[in-house]
PDB file of N, CA and C in Angstrom:
ATOM      1  N   MET A   1      43.219 -27.398   6.125  1.00  0.00           N
ATOM      2  CA  MET A   1      43.539 -26.966   4.797  1.00  0.00           C
ATOM      3  C   MET A   1      44.615 -25.896   4.886  1.00  0.00           C
ATOM      4  N   LEU A   2      45.564 -25.957   4.003  1.00  0.00           N
ATOM      5  CA  LEU A   2      46.625 -24.967   3.953  1.00  0.00           C
ATOM      6  C   LEU A   2      46.122 -23.688   3.305  1.00  0.00           C
ATOM      7  N   MET A   3      46.489 -22.590   3.841  1.00  0.00           N
ATOM      8  CA  MET A   3      46.084 -21.306   3.299  1.00  0.00           C
ATOM      9  C   MET A   3      47.163 -20.798   2.352  1.00  0.00           C
ATOM     10  N   ASN A   4      46.739 -20.154   1.302  1.00  0.00           N
ATOM     11  CA  ASN A   4      47.641 -19.585   0.309  1.00  0.00           C
ATOM     12  C   ASN A   4      48.187 -18.276   0.870  1.00  0.00           C
ATOM     13  N   ASN A   5      49.471 -18.173   0.995  1.00  0.00           N
ATOM     14  CA  ASN A   5      50.096 -16.960   1.513  1.00  0.00           C
ATOM     15  C   ASN A   5      50.644 -16.093   0.385  1.00  0.00           C
ATOM     16  N   SER A   6      50.047 -16.174  -0.795  1.00  0.00           N
ATOM     17  CA  SER A   6      50.534 -15.384  -1.924  1.00  0.00           C
ATOM     18  C   SER A   6      50.084 -13.937  -1.766  1.00  0.00           C
ATOM     19  N   THR A   7      50.415 -13.125  -2.749  1.00  0.00           N
ATOM     20  CA  THR A   7      50.072 -11.706  -2.691  1.00  0.00           C
ATOM     21  C   THR A   7      48.573 -11.470  -2.812  1.00  0.00           C
ATOM     22  N   SER A   8      47.815 -12.487  -3.218  1.00  0.00           N
ATOM     23  CA  SER A   8      46.371 -12.308  -3.334  1.00  0.00           C
ATOM     24  C   SER A   8      45.665 -12.450  -1.989  1.00  0.00           C
ATOM     25  N   GLY A   9      46.392 -12.705  -0.927  1.00  0.00           N
ATOM     26  CA  GLY A   9      45.780 -12.820   0.390  1.00  0.00           C
ATOM     27  C   GLY A   9      45.886 -14.219   0.936  1.00  0.00           C
ATOM     28  N   ASN A  10      45.291 -14.437   2.045  1.00  0.00           N
ATOM     29  CA  ASN A  10      45.343 -15.735   2.709  1.00  0.00           C
ATOM     30  C   ASN A  10      44.121 -16.582   2.351  1.00  0.00           C
ATOM     31  N   TYR A  11      43.888 -16.784   1.072  1.00  0.00           N
ATOM     32  CA  TYR A  11      42.776 -17.587   0.606  1.00  0.00           C
ATOM     33  C   TYR A  11      43.236 -19.004   0.334  1.00  0.00           C
ATOM     34  N   PRO A  12      42.346 -19.970   0.406  1.00  0.00           N
ATOM     35  CA  PRO A  12      42.719 -21.325  -0.013  1.00  0.00           C
ATOM     36  C   PRO A  12      43.116 -21.291  -1.488  1.00  0.00           C
ATOM     37  N   PRO A  13      43.994 -22.156  -1.920  1.00  0.00           N
ATOM     38  CA  PRO A  13      44.440 -22.135  -3.321  1.00  0.00           C
ATOM     39  C   PRO A  13      43.248 -22.171  -4.291  1.00  0.00           C
ATOM     40  N   GLY A  14      43.225 -21.240  -5.248  1.00  0.00           N
ATOM     41  CA  GLY A  14      42.189 -21.176  -6.264  1.00  0.00           C
ATOM     42  C   GLY A  14      40.895 -20.522  -5.823  1.00  0.00           C
ATOM     43  N   ALA A  15      40.805 -20.065  -4.588  1.00  0.00           N
ATOM     44  CA  ALA A  15      39.547 -19.539  -4.075  1.00  0.00           C
ATOM     45  C   ALA A  15      39.485 -18.016  -4.026  1.00  0.00           C
ATOM     46  N   ALA A  16      40.561 -17.335  -4.352  1.00  0.00           N
ATOM     47  CA  ALA A  16      40.586 -15.875  -4.224  1.00  0.00           C
ATOM     48  C   ALA A  16      39.493 -15.198  -5.049  1.00  0.00           C
ATOM     49  N   ASN A  17      39.170 -15.749  -6.222  1.00  0.00           N
ATOM     50  CA  ASN A  17      38.161 -15.139  -7.099  1.00  0.00           C
ATOM     51  C   ASN A  17      36.874 -15.959  -7.192  1.00  0.00           C
ATOM     52  N   ASP A  18      36.668 -16.879  -6.290  1.00  0.00           N
ATOM     53  CA  ASP A  18      35.457 -17.707  -6.290  1.00  0.00           C
ATOM     54  C   ASP A  18      34.254 -16.836  -5.900  1.00  0.00           C
ATOM     55  N   PRO A  19      33.295 -16.639  -6.812  1.00  0.00           N
ATOM     56  CA  PRO A  19      32.170 -15.746  -6.498  1.00  0.00           C
ATOM     57  C   PRO A  19      31.250 -16.293  -5.410  1.00  0.00           C
ATOM     58  N   PHE A  20      31.339 -17.595  -5.113  1.00  0.00           N
ATOM     59  CA  PHE A  20      30.478 -18.176  -4.090  1.00  0.00           C
ATOM     60  C   PHE A  20      31.113 -18.161  -2.703  1.00  0.00           C
ATOM     61  N   ALA A  21      32.368 -17.772  -2.614  1.00  0.00           N
ATOM     62  CA  ALA A  21      33.046 -17.707  -1.323  1.00  0.00           C
ATOM     63  C   ALA A  21      32.434 -16.572  -0.499  1.00  0.00           C
ATOM     64  N   PRO A  22      32.247 -16.771   0.794  1.00  0.00           N
ATOM     65  CA  PRO A  22      31.598 -15.745   1.622  1.00  0.00           C
ATOM     66  C   PRO A  22      32.316 -14.392   1.600  1.00  0.00           C
ATOM     67  N   TYR A  23      33.633 -14.425   1.433  1.00  0.00           N
ATOM     68  CA  TYR A  23      34.383 -13.162   1.420  1.00  0.00           C
ATOM     69  C   TYR A  23      34.260 -12.456   0.073  1.00  0.00           C
ATOM     70  N   ASN A  24      33.676 -13.089  -0.930  1.00  0.00           N
ATOM     71  CA  ASN A  24      33.469 -12.444  -2.225  1.00  0.00           C
ATOM     72  C   ASN A  24      31.995 -12.098  -2.480  1.00  0.00           C
ATOM     73  N   GLN A  25      31.136 -12.316  -1.502  1.00  0.00           N
ATOM     74  CA  GLN A  25      29.717 -11.987  -1.654  1.00  0.00           C
ATOM     75  C   GLN A  25      29.532 -10.467  -1.539  1.00  0.00           C
ATOM     76  N   PRO A  26      28.620  -9.918  -2.338  1.00  0.00           N
ATOM     77  CA  PRO A  26      28.402  -8.473  -2.246  1.00  0.00           C
ATOM     78  C   PRO A  26      27.803  -8.102  -0.897  1.00  0.00           C
ATOM     79  N   GLU A  27      28.138  -6.927  -0.444  1.00  0.00           N
ATOM     80  CA  GLU A  27      27.564  -6.426   0.800  1.00  0.00           C
ATOM     81  C   GLU A  27      26.274  -5.703   0.452  1.00  0.00           C
ATOM     82  N   TYR A  28      25.183  -6.105   1.113  1.00  0.00           N
ATOM     83  CA  TYR A  28      23.888  -5.484   0.868  1.00  0.00           C
ATOM     84  C   TYR A  28      23.704  -4.328   1.840  1.00  0.00           C
ATOM     85  N   PRO A  29      23.148  -3.234   1.349  1.00  0.00           N
ATOM     86  CA  PRO A  29      22.928  -2.099   2.252  1.00  0.00           C
ATOM     87  C   PRO A  29      21.867  -2.456   3.290  1.00  0.00           C
ATOM     88  N   GLU A  30      21.956  -1.822   4.424  1.00  0.00           N
ATOM     89  CA  GLU A  30      20.948  -2.033   5.455  1.00  0.00           C
ATOM     90  C   GLU A  30      19.654  -1.363   5.012  1.00  0.00           C
ATOM     91  N   TYR A  31      18.541  -1.975   5.360  1.00  0.00           N
ATOM     92  CA  TYR A  31      17.244  -1.390   5.038  1.00  0.00           C
ATOM     93  C   TYR A  31      16.991  -0.184   5.932  1.00  0.00           C
ATOM     94  N   GLN A  32      16.369   0.824   5.353  1.00  0.00           N
ATOM     95  CA  GLN A  32      16.025   2.030   6.097  1.00  0.00           C
ATOM     96  C   GLN A  32      14.551   2.321   5.894  1.00  0.00           C
ATOM     97  N   ASP A  33      13.932   2.985   6.852  1.00  0.00           N
ATOM     98  CA  ASP A  33      12.539   3.405   6.731  1.00  0.00           C
ATOM     99  C   ASP A  33      12.489   4.801   6.128  1.00  0.00           C
ATOM    100  N   TYR A  34      11.549   5.006   5.240  1.00  0.00           N
ATOM    101  CA  TYR A  34      11.350   6.312   4.608  1.00  0.00           C
ATOM    102  C   TYR A  34       9.888   6.705   4.751  1.00  0.00           C
ATOM    103  N   ASP A  35       9.632   7.939   5.128  1.00  0.00           N
ATOM    104  CA  ASP A  35       8.269   8.456   5.180  1.00  0.00           C
ATOM    105  C   ASP A  35       7.912   8.982   3.798  1.00  0.00           C
ATOM    106  N   VAL A  36       6.835   8.459   3.230  1.00  0.00           N
ATOM    107  CA  VAL A  36       6.400   8.874   1.898  1.00  0.00           C
ATOM    108  C   VAL A  36       4.895   9.144   1.929  1.00  0.00           C
ATOM    109  N   THR A  37       4.450   9.952   1.014  1.00  0.00           N
ATOM    110  CA  THR A  37       3.024  10.161   0.807  1.00  0.00           C
ATOM    111  C   THR A  37       2.722   9.746  -0.624  1.00  0.00           C
ATOM    112  N   ALA A  38       1.803   8.810  -0.766  1.00  0.00           N
ATOM    113  CA  ALA A  38       1.415   8.331  -2.091  1.00  0.00           C
ATOM    114  C   ALA A  38       0.028   8.871  -2.411  1.00  0.00           C
ATOM    115  N   SER A  39      -0.163   9.266  -3.636  1.00  0.00           N
ATOM    116  CA  SER A  39      -1.455   9.769  -4.078  1.00  0.00           C
ATOM    117  C   SER A  39      -1.981   8.845  -5.174  1.00  0.00           C
ATOM    118  N   PHE A  40      -3.177   8.314  -4.954  1.00  0.00           N
ATOM    119  CA  PHE A  40      -3.817   7.432  -5.920  1.00  0.00           C
ATOM    120  C   PHE A  40      -5.073   8.119  -6.424  1.00  0.00           C
ATOM    121  N   THR A  41      -5.325   8.026  -7.691  1.00  0.00           N
ATOM    122  CA  THR A  41      -6.513   8.647  -8.265  1.00  0.00           C
ATOM    123  C   THR A  41      -7.512   7.569  -8.644  1.00  0.00           C
ATOM    124  N   LEU A  42      -8.726   7.696  -8.129  1.00  0.00           N
ATOM    125  CA  LEU A  42      -9.819   6.796  -8.468  1.00  0.00           C
ATOM    126  C   LEU A  42     -10.930   7.635  -9.081  1.00  0.00           C
ATOM    127  N   ASP A  43     -11.518   7.148 -10.147  1.00  0.00           N
ATOM    128  CA  ASP A  43     -12.647   7.816 -10.768  1.00  0.00           C
ATOM    129  C   ASP A  43     -13.765   6.806 -10.952  1.00  0.00           C
ATOM    130  N   LYS A  44     -14.987   7.266 -10.774  1.00  0.00           N
ATOM    131  CA  LYS A  44     -16.145   6.419 -11.020  1.00  0.00           C
ATOM    132  C   LYS A  44     -17.270   7.300 -11.521  1.00  0.00           C
ATOM    133  N   SER A  45     -17.946   6.840 -12.547  1.00  0.00           N
ATOM    134  CA  SER A  45     -19.084   7.581 -13.086  1.00  0.00           C
ATOM    135  C   SER A  45     -20.369   7.093 -12.429  1.00  0.00           C
ATOM    136  N   PHE A  46     -21.266   8.016 -12.138  1.00  0.00           N
ATOM    137  CA  PHE A  46     -22.540   7.712 -11.493  1.00  0.00           C
ATOM    138  C   PHE A  46     -23.673   8.348 -12.289  1.00  0.00           C
ATOM    139  N   THR A  47     -24.849   7.796 -12.140  1.00  0.00           N
ATOM    140  CA  THR A  47     -26.068   8.473 -12.566  1.00  0.00           C
ATOM    141  C   THR A  47     -26.782   8.855 -11.289  1.00  0.00           C
ATOM    142  N   VAL A  48     -26.938  10.145 -11.069  1.00  0.00           N
ATOM    143  CA  VAL A  48     -27.550  10.649  -9.845  1.00  0.00           C
ATOM    144  C   VAL A  48     -28.926  11.212 -10.177  1.00  0.00           C
ATOM    145  N   THR A  49     -29.904  10.772  -9.433  1.00  0.00           N
ATOM    146  CA  THR A  49     -31.256  11.302  -9.588  1.00  0.00           C
ATOM    147  C   THR A  49     -31.407  12.448  -8.607  1.00  0.00           C
ATOM    148  N   SER A  50     -31.784  13.603  -9.132  1.00  0.00           N
ATOM    149  CA  SER A  50     -31.894  14.791  -8.293  1.00  0.00           C
ATOM    150  C   SER A  50     -33.117  15.592  -8.718  1.00  0.00           C
ATOM    151  N   SER A  51     -33.718  16.272  -7.766  1.00  0.00           N
ATOM    152  CA  SER A  51     -34.867  17.133  -8.066  1.00  0.00           C
ATOM    153  C   SER A  51     -34.423  18.546  -8.408  1.00  0.00           C
ATOM    154  N   SER A  52     -33.113  18.773  -8.432  1.00  0.00           N
ATOM    155  CA  SER A  52     -32.577  20.107  -8.663  1.00  0.00           C
ATOM    156  C   SER A  52     -31.591  20.089  -9.825  1.00  0.00           C
ATOM    157  N   GLU A  53     -31.477  21.220 -10.483  1.00  0.00           N
ATOM    158  CA  GLU A  53     -30.452  21.365 -11.513  1.00  0.00           C
ATOM    159  C   GLU A  53     -29.229  22.094 -10.973  1.00  0.00           C
ATOM    160  N   ASP A  54     -29.285  22.478  -9.700  1.00  0.00           N
ATOM    161  CA  ASP A  54     -28.165  23.170  -9.068  1.00  0.00           C
ATOM    162  C   ASP A  54     -27.036  22.172  -8.811  1.00  0.00           C
ATOM    163  N   GLU A  55     -25.827  22.537  -9.216  1.00  0.00           N
ATOM    164  CA  GLU A  55     -24.675  21.644  -9.106  1.00  0.00           C
ATOM    165  C   GLU A  55     -24.422  21.199  -7.667  1.00  0.00           C
ATOM    166  N   GLU A  56     -24.519  22.105  -6.731  1.00  0.00           N
ATOM    167  CA  GLU A  56     -24.265  21.757  -5.327  1.00  0.00           C
ATOM    168  C   GLU A  56     -25.310  20.782  -4.802  1.00  0.00           C
ATOM    169  N   ASP A  57     -26.565  20.960  -5.217  1.00  0.00           N
ATOM    170  CA  ASP A  57     -27.618  20.025  -4.800  1.00  0.00           C
ATOM    171  C   ASP A  57     -27.373  18.633  -5.379  1.00  0.00           C
ATOM    172  N   ILE A  58     -26.947  18.581  -6.631  1.00  0.00           N
ATOM    173  CA  ILE A  58     -26.655  17.296  -7.269  1.00  0.00           C
ATOM    174  C   ILE A  58     -25.489  16.609  -6.554  1.00  0.00           C
ATOM    175  N   LYS A  59     -24.459  17.377  -6.202  1.00  0.00           N
ATOM    176  CA  LYS A  59     -23.323  16.808  -5.463  1.00  0.00           C
ATOM    177  C   LYS A  59     -23.784  16.256  -4.117  1.00  0.00           C
ATOM    178  N   GLN A  60     -24.660  16.999  -3.447  1.00  0.00           N
ATOM    179  CA  GLN A  60     -25.168  16.551  -2.144  1.00  0.00           C
ATOM    180  C   GLN A  60     -25.970  15.253  -2.298  1.00  0.00           C
ATOM    181  N   ASP A  61     -26.770  15.170  -3.358  1.00  0.00           N
ATOM    182  CA  ASP A  61     -27.520  13.937  -3.613  1.00  0.00           C
ATOM    183  C   ASP A  61     -26.571  12.768  -3.845  1.00  0.00           C
ATOM    184  N   LEU A  62     -25.503  12.994  -4.559  1.00  0.00           N
ATOM    185  CA  LEU A  62     -24.516  11.940  -4.796  1.00  0.00           C
ATOM    186  C   LEU A  62     -23.906  11.475  -3.483  1.00  0.00           C
ATOM    187  N   ILE A  63     -23.505  12.413  -2.647  1.00  0.00           N
ATOM    188  CA  ILE A  63     -22.874  12.078  -1.362  1.00  0.00           C
ATOM    189  C   ILE A  63     -23.829  11.277  -0.482  1.00  0.00           C
ATOM    190  N   GLU A  64     -25.118  11.613  -0.541  1.00  0.00           N
ATOM    191  CA  GLU A  64     -26.103  10.904   0.283  1.00  0.00           C
ATOM    192  C   GLU A  64     -26.389   9.498  -0.247  1.00  0.00           C
ATOM    193  N   ASP A  65     -26.299   9.305  -1.558  1.00  0.00           N
ATOM    194  CA  ASP A  65     -26.691   8.036  -2.166  1.00  0.00           C
ATOM    195  C   ASP A  65     -25.547   7.050  -2.369  1.00  0.00           C
ATOM    196  N   TYR A  66     -24.324   7.514  -2.420  1.00  0.00           N
ATOM    197  CA  TYR A  66     -23.187   6.649  -2.739  1.00  0.00           C
ATOM    198  C   TYR A  66     -22.081   6.793  -1.701  1.00  0.00           C
ATOM    199  N   MET A  67     -21.242   5.767  -1.647  1.00  0.00           N
ATOM    200  CA  MET A  67     -20.116   5.775  -0.709  1.00  0.00           C
ATOM    201  C   MET A  67     -18.869   6.317  -1.409  1.00  0.00           C
ATOM    202  N   THR A  68     -18.066   7.062  -0.662  1.00  0.00           N
ATOM    203  CA  THR A  68     -16.773   7.517  -1.165  1.00  0.00           C
ATOM    204  C   THR A  68     -15.764   6.387  -0.955  1.00  0.00           C
ATOM    205  N   PRO A  69     -14.595   6.468  -1.594  1.00  0.00           N
ATOM    206  CA  PRO A  69     -13.574   5.444  -1.321  1.00  0.00           C
ATOM    207  C   PRO A  69     -13.229   5.345   0.170  1.00  0.00           C
ATOM    208  N   LEU A  70     -13.224   6.470   0.869  1.00  0.00           N
ATOM    209  CA  LEU A  70     -12.929   6.448   2.304  1.00  0.00           C
ATOM    210  C   LEU A  70     -14.042   5.729   3.074  1.00  0.00           C
ATOM    211  N   ASP A  71     -15.294   5.953   2.660  1.00  0.00           N
ATOM    212  CA  ASP A  71     -16.411   5.221   3.277  1.00  0.00           C
ATOM    213  C   ASP A  71     -16.237   3.719   3.080  1.00  0.00           C
ATOM    214  N   LEU A  72     -15.840   3.326   1.878  1.00  0.00           N
ATOM    215  CA  LEU A  72     -15.642   1.909   1.580  1.00  0.00           C
ATOM    216  C   LEU A  72     -14.516   1.310   2.413  1.00  0.00           C
ATOM    217  N   ILE A  73     -13.431   2.053   2.563  1.00  0.00           N
ATOM    218  CA  ILE A  73     -12.299   1.585   3.373  1.00  0.00           C
ATOM    219  C   ILE A  73     -12.738   1.411   4.823  1.00  0.00           C
ATOM    220  N   ASN A  74     -13.501   2.371   5.348  1.00  0.00           N
ATOM    221  CA  ASN A  74     -13.967   2.273   6.734  1.00  0.00           C
ATOM    222  C   ASN A  74     -14.920   1.096   6.917  1.00  0.00           C
ATOM    223  N   GLU A  75     -15.773   0.849   5.932  1.00  0.00           N
ATOM    224  CA  GLU A  75     -16.678  -0.302   5.995  1.00  0.00           C
ATOM    225  C   GLU A  75     -15.881  -1.609   5.971  1.00  0.00           C
ATOM    226  N   LEU A  76     -14.884  -1.680   5.110  1.00  0.00           N
ATOM    227  CA  LEU A  76     -14.016  -2.858   5.054  1.00  0.00           C
ATOM    228  C   LEU A  76     -13.341  -3.087   6.405  1.00  0.00           C
ATOM    229  N   LYS A  77     -12.843  -2.028   6.997  1.00  0.00           N
ATOM    230  CA  LYS A  77     -12.152  -2.155   8.286  1.00  0.00           C
ATOM    231  C   LYS A  77     -13.096  -2.709   9.358  1.00  0.00           C
ATOM    232  N   LYS A  78     -14.332  -2.205   9.405  1.00  0.00           N
ATOM    233  CA  LYS A  78     -15.295  -2.697  10.392  1.00  0.00           C
ATOM    234  C   LYS A  78     -15.564  -4.190  10.203  1.00  0.00           C
ATOM    235  N   ARG A  79     -15.739  -4.595   8.950  1.00  0.00           N
ATOM    236  CA  ARG A  79     -16.007  -6.010   8.684  1.00  0.00           C
ATOM    237  C   ARG A  79     -14.806  -6.885   9.031  1.00  0.00           C
ATOM    238  N   LEU A  80     -13.618  -6.398   8.721  1.00  0.00           N
ATOM    239  CA  LEU A  80     -12.407  -7.157   9.054  1.00  0.00           C
ATOM    240  C   LEU A  80     -12.234  -7.279  10.560  1.00  0.00           C
ATOM    241  N   GLN A  81     -12.533  -6.214  11.290  1.00  0.00           N
ATOM    242  CA  GLN A  81     -12.420  -6.267  12.751  1.00  0.00           C
ATOM    243  C   GLN A  81     -13.396  -7.288  13.319  1.00  0.00           C
ATOM    244  N   GLY A  82     -14.576  -7.415  12.694  1.00  0.00           N
ATOM    245  CA  GLY A  82     -15.526  -8.442  13.114  1.00  0.00           C
ATOM    246  C   GLY A  82     -14.958  -9.837  12.887  1.00  0.00           C
ATOM    247  N   GLU A  83     -14.313 -10.038  11.736  1.00  0.00           N
ATOM    248  CA  GLU A  83     -13.680 -11.334  11.457  1.00  0.00           C
ATOM    249  C   GLU A  83     -12.538 -11.600  12.430  1.00  0.00           C
ATOM    250  N   LEU A  84     -11.831 -10.545  12.796  1.00  0.00           N
ATOM    251  CA  LEU A  84     -10.685 -10.691  13.700  1.00  0.00           C
ATOM    252  C   LEU A  84     -11.130 -11.127  15.093  1.00  0.00           C
ATOM    253  N   GLU A  85     -12.345 -10.770  15.485  1.00  0.00           N
ATOM    254  CA  GLU A  85     -12.856 -11.200  16.785  1.00  0.00           C
ATOM    255  C   GLU A  85     -12.983 -12.716  16.851  1.00  0.00           C
ATOM    256  N   SER A  86     -13.367 -13.336  15.732  1.00  0.00           N
ATOM    257  CA  SER A  86     -13.499 -14.792  15.732  1.00  0.00           C
ATOM    258  C   SER A  86     -12.178 -15.506  15.448  1.00  0.00           C
ATOM    259  N   ASP A  87     -11.205 -14.783  14.910  1.00  0.00           N
ATOM    260  CA  ASP A  87      -9.896 -15.374  14.602  1.00  0.00           C
ATOM    261  C   ASP A  87      -8.803 -14.348  14.925  1.00  0.00           C
ATOM    262  N   PRO A  88      -8.561 -14.078  16.232  1.00  0.00           N
ATOM    263  CA  PRO A  88      -7.655 -12.986  16.628  1.00  0.00           C
ATOM    264  C   PRO A  88      -6.190 -13.171  16.233  1.00  0.00           C
ATOM    265  N   ASN A  89      -5.796 -14.362  15.814  1.00  0.00           N
ATOM    266  CA  ASN A  89      -4.401 -14.595  15.441  1.00  0.00           C
ATOM    267  C   ASN A  89      -4.176 -14.595  13.933  1.00  0.00           C
ATOM    268  N   ASN A  90      -5.190 -14.223  13.167  1.00  0.00           N
ATOM    269  CA  ASN A  90      -5.081 -14.224  11.711  1.00  0.00           C
ATOM    270  C   ASN A  90      -4.231 -13.034  11.266  1.00  0.00           C
ATOM    271  N   LYS A  91      -3.001 -13.320  10.870  1.00  0.00           N
ATOM    272  CA  LYS A  91      -2.051 -12.257  10.509  1.00  0.00           C
ATOM    273  C   LYS A  91      -2.490 -11.501   9.261  1.00  0.00           C
ATOM    274  N   ARG A  92      -3.098 -12.201   8.320  1.00  0.00           N
ATOM    275  CA  ARG A  92      -3.547 -11.540   7.084  1.00  0.00           C
ATOM    276  C   ARG A  92      -4.619 -10.495   7.386  1.00  0.00           C
ATOM    277  N   ILE A  93      -5.586 -10.858   8.221  1.00  0.00           N
ATOM    278  CA  ILE A  93      -6.648  -9.907   8.570  1.00  0.00           C
ATOM    279  C   ILE A  93      -6.066  -8.742   9.356  1.00  0.00           C
ATOM    280  N   LYS A  94      -5.140  -9.014  10.269  1.00  0.00           N
ATOM    281  CA  LYS A  94      -4.496  -7.927  11.027  1.00  0.00           C
ATOM    282  C   LYS A  94      -3.793  -6.954  10.084  1.00  0.00           C
ATOM    283  N   LYS A  95      -3.113  -7.499   9.081  1.00  0.00           N
ATOM    284  CA  LYS A  95      -2.411  -6.649   8.110  1.00  0.00           C
ATOM    285  C   LYS A  95      -3.415  -5.805   7.319  1.00  0.00           C
ATOM    286  N   LEU A  96      -4.520  -6.418   6.899  1.00  0.00           N
ATOM    287  CA  LEU A  96      -5.533  -5.673   6.145  1.00  0.00           C
ATOM    288  C   LEU A  96      -6.156  -4.561   6.996  1.00  0.00           C
ATOM    289  N   VAL A  97      -6.429  -4.840   8.264  1.00  0.00           N
ATOM    290  CA  VAL A  97      -6.977  -3.811   9.156  1.00  0.00           C
ATOM    291  C   VAL A  97      -5.994  -2.647   9.266  1.00  0.00           C
ATOM    292  N   LYS A  98      -4.720  -2.972   9.421  1.00  0.00           N
ATOM    293  CA  LYS A  98      -3.696  -1.924   9.522  1.00  0.00           C
ATOM    294  C   LYS A  98      -3.618  -1.112   8.229  1.00  0.00           C
ATOM    295  N   GLU A  99      -3.770  -1.770   7.074  1.00  0.00           N
ATOM    296  CA  GLU A  99      -3.723  -1.070   5.783  1.00  0.00           C
ATOM    297  C   GLU A  99      -4.890  -0.094   5.618  1.00  0.00           C
ATOM    298  N   CYS A 100      -5.970  -0.318   6.350  1.00  0.00           N
ATOM    299  CA  CYS A 100      -7.139   0.570   6.263  1.00  0.00           C
ATOM    300  C   CYS A 100      -6.907   1.893   6.994  1.00  0.00           C
ATOM    301  N   ASP A 101      -5.922   1.957   7.856  1.00  0.00           N
ATOM    302  CA  ASP A 101      -5.659   3.172   8.646  1.00  0.00           C
ATOM    303  C   ASP A 101      -4.870   4.207   7.854  1.00  0.00           C
ATOM    304  N   GLY A 102      -5.101   5.469   8.168  1.00  0.00           N
ATOM    305  CA  GLY A 102      -4.258   6.547   7.665  1.00  0.00           C
ATOM    306  C   GLY A 102      -4.652   7.136   6.325  1.00  0.00           C
ATOM    307  N   TRP A 103      -5.746   6.668   5.725  1.00  0.00           N
ATOM    308  CA  TRP A 103      -6.153   7.202   4.427  1.00  0.00           C
ATOM    309  C   TRP A 103      -6.895   8.519   4.599  1.00  0.00           C
ATOM    310  N   THR A 104      -6.681   9.416   3.683  1.00  0.00           N
ATOM    311  CA  THR A 104      -7.450  10.651   3.611  1.00  0.00           C
ATOM    312  C   THR A 104      -8.080  10.718   2.223  1.00  0.00           C
ATOM    313  N   CYS A 105      -9.127  11.495   2.101  1.00  0.00           N
ATOM    314  CA  CYS A 105      -9.824  11.563   0.821  1.00  0.00           C
ATOM    315  C   CYS A 105     -10.015  13.020   0.432  1.00  0.00           C
ATOM    316  N   ASP A 106      -9.546  13.360  -0.728  1.00  0.00           N
ATOM    317  CA  ASP A 106      -9.770  14.685  -1.305  1.00  0.00           C
ATOM    318  C   ASP A 106     -10.731  14.472  -2.464  1.00  0.00           C
ATOM    319  N   CYS A 107     -12.008  14.544  -2.176  1.00  0.00           N
ATOM    320  CA  CYS A 107     -13.024  14.217  -3.174  1.00  0.00           C
ATOM    321  C   CYS A 107     -13.400  15.453  -3.980  1.00  0.00           C
ATOM    322  N   ASP A 108     -13.341  15.309  -5.268  1.00  0.00           N
ATOM    323  CA  ASP A 108     -13.738  16.365  -6.198  1.00  0.00           C
ATOM    324  C   ASP A 108     -14.807  15.781  -7.103  1.00  0.00           C
ATOM    325  N   ILE A 109     -15.988  16.360  -7.064  1.00  0.00           N
ATOM    326  CA  ILE A 109     -17.114  15.852  -7.842  1.00  0.00           C
ATOM    327  C   ILE A 109     -17.372  16.795  -8.992  1.00  0.00           C
ATOM    328  N   CYS A 110     -17.344  16.254 -10.194  1.00  0.00           N
ATOM    329  CA  CYS A 110     -17.606  17.055 -11.392  1.00  0.00           C
ATOM    330  C   CYS A 110     -18.916  16.598 -12.008  1.00  0.00           C
ATOM    331  N   ILE A 111     -19.801  17.527 -12.274  1.00  0.00           N
ATOM    332  CA  ILE A 111     -21.072  17.221 -12.930  1.00  0.00           C
ATOM    333  C   ILE A 111     -20.859  17.366 -14.430  1.00  0.00           C
ATOM    334  N   ASP A 112     -21.127  16.292 -15.176  1.00  0.00           N
ATOM    335  CA  ASP A 112     -20.814  16.270 -16.609  1.00  0.00           C
ATOM    336  C   ASP A 112     -21.841  16.963 -17.485  1.00  0.00           C
ATOM    337  N   ASN A 113     -23.114  16.869 -17.152  1.00  0.00           N
ATOM    338  CA  ASN A 113     -24.112  17.349 -18.106  1.00  0.00           C
ATOM    339  C   ASN A 113     -25.252  18.123 -17.457  1.00  0.00           C
ATOM    340  N   ILE A 114     -24.942  19.252 -16.885  1.00  0.00           N
ATOM    341  CA  ILE A 114     -25.997  20.115 -16.349  1.00  0.00           C
ATOM    342  C   ILE A 114     -26.593  20.883 -17.510  1.00  0.00           C
ATOM    343  N   LYS A 115     -27.912  20.921 -17.553  1.00  0.00           N
ATOM    344  CA  LYS A 115     -28.601  21.578 -18.680  1.00  0.00           C
ATOM    345  C   LYS A 115     -28.606  23.076 -18.536  1.00  0.00           C
TER     346      LYS A 115
END
């Protein structure tokens, strides 16, 4: 094919402004890794049975009777690792196990109706 030697460059005739031509495709930036910290808020209401009206005792009863989100994540990870033993090449389970790592929990317990 003859190349166009006009002032628009050495493009084939009529192709200088063709948006599908490789030389007219946009340049995409390279991907970069960024360290971020994400904070998610979870709330759940409970009914806690306690022999005390002291707020700290009620909080302790809650902690003993219920799982925190971090407890749930750790339980999920253990179960997934068990599944991974029977299917060690399962990429989805490997990804889920990895997603369970690195979580921290800042638990704040508020008692709504102390008499």
